[in-house]
Amino acid sequence: MSRIHVAVPALALAAALGAALATAPAEAADKPTAKEKCYGIAMAGKNDCAAGPGTTCSGSSRSDHQANAWKYVPAGTCEQTASKTSPTGHGQLVAFTAKKPDRT
């Protein structure tokens, strides 16, 4: 068997493997990441939606960590994100009543 006959299948195999590896990250990038609404973590004017009565939608929160304004975050991270107004000190999955500031 000549070298030409052996080299062609090896090149075809290398090209096929390279193409498969090149498309794997692209497919992963196309897959949507699960998100959840997280209340009480958005900065003023940086919410994704819902900021209480009399407001429009995204960008309408009037204060940092507003209790009824939410931002999308990766699923499972909301309740680990800091919130200065939340009773637990972390973001909430539902709107809440803001805690009163400490008077020291």
Protein backbone atom coordinates (compact mmCIF):
# COMPACT_ATOMS: atom_id res chain seq x y z
CA MET A 1 0.00 0.00 0.00
CA SER A 2 1.40 3.41 -0.86
CA ARG A 3 1.78 6.32 1.48
CA ILE A 4 -0.81 8.36 -0.43
CA HIS A 5 -3.57 5.86 0.33
CA VAL A 6 -2.78 5.93 4.06
CA ALA A 7 -2.39 9.73 4.30
CA VAL A 8 -5.80 10.54 2.79
CA PRO A 9 -7.88 8.67 5.40
CA ALA A 10 -5.72 10.09 8.21
CA LEU A 11 -6.26 13.63 6.94
CA ALA A 12 -9.99 13.04 6.61
CA LEU A 13 -10.15 11.73 10.18
CA ALA A 14 -8.16 14.71 11.50
CA ALA A 15 -10.45 17.14 9.65
CA ALA A 16 -13.58 15.45 10.99
CA LEU A 17 -12.30 15.54 14.57
CA GLY A 18 -11.27 19.18 14.22
CA ALA A 19 -14.71 20.13 12.91
CA ALA A 20 -16.45 18.30 15.75
CA LEU A 21 -14.32 20.01 18.38
CA ALA A 22 -14.79 23.41 16.77
CA THR A 23 -18.59 23.20 16.86
CA ALA A 24 -18.94 21.98 20.45
CA PRO A 25 -18.32 25.39 22.12
CA ALA A 26 -20.63 27.12 19.63
CA GLU A 27 -23.47 24.75 20.51
CA ALA A 28 -22.91 25.37 24.23
CA ALA A 29 -22.96 29.13 23.66
CA ASP A 30 -26.31 28.85 21.86
CA LYS A 31 -27.91 27.00 24.78
CA PRO A 32 -29.80 29.51 26.95
CA THR A 33 -28.81 29.80 30.59
CA ALA A 34 -31.65 29.47 33.08
CA LYS A 35 -32.49 32.81 34.72
CA GLU A 36 -34.66 33.88 37.61
CA LYS A 37 -36.12 37.18 38.76
CA CYS A 38 -34.32 38.54 41.81
CA TYR A 39 -35.95 41.32 43.82
CA GLY A 40 -34.03 43.86 45.88
CA ILE A 41 -30.65 43.71 44.16
CA ALA A 42 -30.90 46.24 41.31
CA MET A 43 -29.32 49.66 41.54
CA ALA A 44 -31.48 52.74 40.88
CA GLY A 45 -32.48 52.83 37.21
CA LYS A 46 -30.87 49.44 36.49
CA ASN A 47 -33.77 47.04 37.09
CA ASP A 48 -34.99 44.71 34.34
CA CYS A 49 -38.68 45.25 35.14
CA ALA A 50 -41.33 45.71 37.84
CA ALA A 51 -40.70 48.64 40.09
CA GLY A 52 -44.04 49.20 41.72
CA PRO A 53 -47.08 51.37 41.02
CA GLY A 54 -46.61 54.38 38.78
CA THR A 55 -43.46 53.11 37.08
CA THR A 56 -42.96 51.78 33.60
CA CYS A 57 -40.63 48.83 33.38
CA SER A 58 -36.88 48.42 32.89
CA GLY A 59 -34.76 51.24 34.24
CA SER A 60 -37.58 52.67 36.35
CA SER A 61 -36.46 51.80 39.88
CA ARG A 62 -35.95 54.92 41.95
CA SER A 63 -33.56 53.64 44.61
CA ASP A 64 -30.80 51.09 45.07
CA HIS A 65 -32.03 47.67 46.24
CA GLN A 66 -35.68 48.66 45.76
CA ALA A 67 -37.81 45.85 47.22
CA ASN A 68 -40.31 45.64 44.36
CA ALA A 69 -37.85 45.95 41.46
CA TRP A 70 -36.18 42.88 39.99
CA LYS A 71 -33.21 41.96 37.85
CA TYR A 72 -32.58 38.70 35.96
CA VAL A 73 -29.76 36.62 37.46
CA PRO A 74 -28.50 33.09 36.75
CA ALA A 75 -30.82 30.56 38.38
CA GLY A 76 -29.78 29.66 41.90
CA THR A 77 -27.79 32.84 42.60
CA CYS A 78 -30.48 35.28 43.75
CA GLU A 79 -30.61 34.31 47.40
CA GLN A 80 -26.82 34.55 47.66
CA THR A 81 -26.71 38.11 46.24
CA ALA A 82 -26.50 40.95 48.78
CA SER A 83 -29.46 43.29 49.29
CA LYS A 84 -29.35 46.16 51.77
CA THR A 85 -33.15 46.35 52.02
CA SER A 86 -34.08 42.67 52.28
CA PRO A 87 -35.00 41.23 55.68
CA THR A 88 -32.50 38.43 55.05
CA GLY A 89 -29.78 40.66 53.62
CA HIS A 90 -30.00 38.83 50.29
CA GLY A 91 -32.05 39.01 47.12
CA GLN A 92 -35.54 37.51 47.16
CA LEU A 93 -37.49 35.52 44.58
CA VAL A 94 -40.63 37.63 45.27
CA ALA A 95 -41.18 41.31 46.02
CA PHE A 96 -40.89 42.11 49.72
CA THR A 97 -41.36 44.92 52.21
CA ALA A 98 -38.06 46.70 52.71
CA LYS A 99 -36.60 46.59 56.19
CA LYS A 100 -36.30 49.86 58.07
CA PRO A 101 -32.81 51.39 58.13
CA ASP A 102 -30.89 51.07 61.38
CA ARG A 103 -31.05 54.24 63.49
CA THR A 104 -27.80 54.30 65.38
